[in-house]
Amino acid sequence: MRQITLACQPSFEKYSRKSRHEEFLNTMEAVVPWSELEALIEPYYPKAGKGRHSVCTSAASVSDVHVLPDLLHGEEKKVWGDAGYQGQTEAIHKAAPDAQDMTNRRVKNSKGEVDEDEDEKRKNRTKSRVRAKVEWAFRVLKRVFNYTKVRYRGIKKNHEWLLTAFALVNLYQHRKRLVLLGA
């Protein structure tokens, strides 16, 4: 049970001191109004539909494979993934019927020995090159916006942070085009 003091009463608010955090938040609100910033970034939020993908947030104990159907919007022609998504062809076709499964295949057999299938290795290298271009957005998120460690604030707060971060990543990736447009 929390102790009730006279300082909590509305008549004593004029005697209380503002913390440095409250002063900082008031200053930030004066410099950059949050509602205006949200309105500016909102059109660039990652949303599903029209060929754009959504952001999916889950607990750390949930495998990426379980959220795979949520990541696909259904209009994909090809789905690229690393060897961790191997064997998910059925889930991919259920979420995106016209999509071709382009996930990497393991070059090791069931005994852990490396198969000498050069054709499969070549295909995996090609698939990895394509994935590297797509994963550049994650590099920007980690290096430019310093999102290297997730702090648990609740899934909803982490999801909102990721939406904003990926909107900023979209702006960062298209910054030269936006400058030419005068935006």
Protein backbone atom coordinates (compact mmCIF):
# COMPACT_ATOMS: atom_id res chain seq x y z
CA MET A 1 0.00 0.00 0.00
CA ARG A 2 1.30 3.41 -0.95
CA GLN A 3 1.56 6.03 1.77
CA ILE A 4 -0.59 9.09 1.18
CA THR A 5 1.12 12.38 1.94
CA LEU A 6 0.05 15.98 1.85
CA ALA A 7 2.39 16.59 -1.09
CA CYS A 8 0.09 14.48 -3.29
CA GLN A 9 -2.80 16.88 -2.77
CA PRO A 10 -3.58 19.31 -5.64
CA SER A 11 -3.20 22.35 -3.38
CA PHE A 12 0.45 21.47 -2.72
CA GLU A 13 1.47 21.09 -6.41
CA LYS A 14 2.87 24.62 -6.50
CA TYR A 15 5.44 23.61 -3.85
CA SER A 16 6.66 20.52 -5.70
CA ARG A 17 9.80 20.58 -7.81
CA LYS A 18 9.78 19.28 -11.38
CA SER A 19 12.22 16.49 -12.04
CA ARG A 20 14.89 16.81 -14.70
CA HIS A 21 13.02 14.23 -16.76
CA GLU A 22 9.79 16.28 -16.70
CA GLU A 23 11.72 19.42 -17.67
CA PHE A 24 13.39 17.53 -20.52
CA LEU A 25 10.04 16.22 -21.82
CA ASN A 26 8.50 19.70 -21.70
CA THR A 27 11.48 21.14 -23.58
CA MET A 28 11.32 18.38 -26.20
CA GLU A 29 7.60 18.94 -26.69
CA ALA A 30 8.28 22.66 -27.26
CA VAL A 31 11.09 21.95 -29.75
CA VAL A 32 9.45 19.07 -31.64
CA PRO A 33 5.70 18.66 -31.07
CA TRP A 34 5.15 14.90 -30.95
CA SER A 35 1.76 14.96 -32.68
CA GLU A 36 3.21 16.88 -35.65
CA LEU A 37 6.14 14.45 -35.88
CA GLU A 38 3.75 11.48 -35.83
CA ALA A 39 1.63 13.03 -38.58
CA LEU A 40 4.77 13.60 -40.68
CA ILE A 41 6.03 10.02 -40.31
CA GLU A 42 2.69 8.17 -40.44
CA PRO A 43 2.42 7.97 -44.27
CA TYR A 44 5.73 6.10 -44.33
CA TYR A 45 4.75 3.49 -41.72
CA PRO A 46 5.21 -0.04 -43.02
CA LYS A 47 1.70 -1.28 -43.81
CA ALA A 48 0.59 -4.44 -45.52
CA GLY A 49 -1.00 -4.14 -48.93
CA LYS A 50 -0.08 -2.54 -52.24
CA GLY A 51 3.10 -4.61 -52.36
CA ARG A 52 4.37 -3.34 -49.01
CA HIS A 53 5.10 -5.61 -46.10
CA SER A 54 4.10 -5.18 -42.52
CA VAL A 55 6.15 -5.30 -39.34
CA CYS A 56 5.38 -8.19 -37.04
CA THR A 57 6.45 -8.18 -33.39
CA SER A 58 6.44 -11.23 -31.15
CA ALA A 59 7.92 -12.41 -27.89
CA ALA A 60 11.51 -13.63 -27.99
CA SER A 61 10.38 -17.19 -27.34
CA VAL A 62 8.31 -17.27 -30.56
CA SER A 63 10.17 -18.59 -33.61
CA ASP A 64 10.19 -16.56 -36.84
CA VAL A 65 8.60 -19.54 -38.56
CA HIS A 66 5.40 -19.09 -36.53
CA VAL A 67 4.88 -15.49 -37.69
CA LEU A 68 5.71 -16.23 -41.34
CA PRO A 69 2.06 -16.04 -42.53
CA ASP A 70 1.71 -12.61 -40.88
CA LEU A 71 4.74 -11.32 -42.78
CA LEU A 72 3.34 -12.14 -46.21
CA HIS A 73 0.64 -10.00 -47.83
CA GLY A 74 -0.38 -12.60 -50.43
CA GLU A 75 0.77 -10.87 -53.64
CA GLU A 76 4.37 -12.09 -53.51
CA LYS A 77 5.89 -13.76 -56.55
CA LYS A 78 8.98 -15.06 -54.70
CA VAL A 79 9.70 -15.55 -51.01
CA TRP A 80 13.37 -15.38 -50.01
CA GLY A 81 14.61 -16.81 -46.72
CA ASP A 82 17.61 -18.41 -45.08
CA ALA A 83 17.91 -22.10 -44.22
CA GLY A 84 15.86 -21.53 -41.04
CA TYR A 85 12.74 -21.27 -43.21
CA GLN A 86 13.44 -24.53 -45.03
CA GLY A 87 10.43 -26.80 -44.99
CA GLN A 88 7.92 -23.94 -44.81
CA THR A 89 6.82 -24.25 -48.44
CA GLU A 90 3.29 -25.25 -47.43
CA ALA A 91 2.91 -22.24 -45.09
CA ILE A 92 4.27 -19.94 -47.80
CA HIS A 93 1.82 -21.26 -50.40
CA LYS A 94 -1.07 -20.99 -47.95
CA ALA A 95 -0.29 -17.29 -47.25
CA ALA A 96 0.80 -16.42 -50.81
CA PRO A 97 -0.56 -18.93 -53.37
CA ASP A 98 1.42 -17.59 -56.36
CA ALA A 99 4.74 -17.31 -54.51
CA GLN A 100 7.78 -19.36 -55.37
CA ASP A 101 9.73 -20.69 -52.37
CA MET A 102 13.29 -19.32 -52.71
CA THR A 103 14.62 -20.28 -49.29
CA ASN A 104 18.15 -21.62 -48.97
CA ARG A 105 18.58 -25.39 -48.83
CA ARG A 106 20.96 -27.08 -46.45
CA VAL A 107 24.01 -28.58 -48.11
CA LYS A 108 24.53 -31.04 -45.25
CA ASN A 109 22.89 -34.44 -45.19
CA SER A 110 21.16 -36.03 -42.21
CA LYS A 111 24.48 -37.35 -40.83
CA GLY A 112 25.97 -33.85 -40.72
CA GLU A 113 28.31 -34.49 -43.62
CA VAL A 114 28.69 -31.84 -46.31
CA ASP A 115 27.26 -32.89 -49.64
CA GLU A 116 29.38 -31.94 -52.61
CA ASP A 117 26.45 -30.61 -54.62
CA GLU A 118 28.01 -27.56 -56.30
CA ASP A 119 24.78 -26.71 -58.11
CA GLU A 120 22.89 -26.38 -54.80
CA LYS A 121 25.72 -24.28 -53.30
CA ARG A 122 25.63 -21.96 -56.33
CA LYS A 123 21.85 -21.54 -55.97
CA ASN A 124 22.23 -20.79 -52.25
CA ARG A 125 24.87 -18.12 -52.98
CA THR A 126 22.56 -16.45 -55.50
CA LYS A 127 19.67 -16.50 -53.03
CA SER A 128 21.90 -15.08 -50.30
CA ARG A 129 22.94 -12.18 -52.55
CA VAL A 130 19.31 -11.24 -53.12
CA ARG A 131 18.54 -11.52 -49.39
CA ALA A 132 21.54 -9.32 -48.55
CA LYS A 133 20.03 -6.49 -50.59
CA VAL A 134 16.72 -6.83 -48.75
CA GLU A 135 18.34 -7.04 -45.33
CA TRP A 136 20.09 -3.69 -45.82
CA ALA A 137 17.10 -2.11 -44.05
CA PHE A 138 18.02 -4.09 -40.93
CA ARG A 139 21.61 -2.86 -41.18
CA VAL A 140 20.35 0.72 -41.27
CA LEU A 141 18.10 0.02 -38.30
CA LYS A 142 20.98 -1.43 -36.27
CA ARG A 143 23.83 0.90 -37.25
CA VAL A 144 22.19 4.25 -38.00
CA PHE A 145 19.39 4.08 -35.42
CA ASN A 146 21.36 1.96 -32.92
CA TYR A 147 18.72 -0.74 -32.47
CA THR A 148 21.09 -3.49 -31.39
CA LYS A 149 19.50 -4.57 -28.13
CA VAL A 150 15.79 -4.95 -27.49
CA ARG A 151 14.68 -3.72 -24.12
CA TYR A 152 11.43 -5.23 -23.00
CA ARG A 153 8.86 -2.51 -22.58
CA GLY A 154 5.92 -4.67 -23.51
CA ILE A 155 5.13 -6.06 -26.93
CA LYS A 156 2.83 -3.15 -27.81
CA LYS A 157 5.48 -0.53 -27.02
CA ASN A 158 8.19 -2.49 -28.82
CA HIS A 159 5.87 -2.85 -31.84
CA GLU A 160 5.14 0.89 -31.93
CA TRP A 161 8.86 1.63 -31.66
CA LEU A 162 9.60 -0.74 -34.56
CA LEU A 163 6.89 0.85 -36.73
CA THR A 164 8.42 4.27 -36.16
CA ALA A 165 11.96 2.96 -36.66
CA PHE A 166 11.12 1.27 -39.96
CA ALA A 167 9.30 4.41 -41.14
CA LEU A 168 12.53 6.30 -40.42
CA VAL A 169 14.51 3.59 -42.22
CA ASN A 170 12.26 4.08 -45.27
CA LEU A 171 12.91 7.82 -45.14
CA TYR A 172 16.65 7.22 -44.70
CA GLN A 173 16.84 4.83 -47.65
CA HIS A 174 15.02 7.31 -49.92
CA ARG A 175 16.65 10.48 -48.56
CA LYS A 176 18.34 11.43 -51.86
CA ARG A 177 15.11 11.02 -53.81
CA LEU A 178 13.22 13.07 -51.19
CA VAL A 179 15.76 15.89 -51.42
CA LEU A 180 15.29 16.00 -55.21
CA LEU A 181 11.53 16.15 -54.75
CA GLY A 182 11.92 19.01 -52.28
CA ALA A 183 10.17 17.13 -49.48
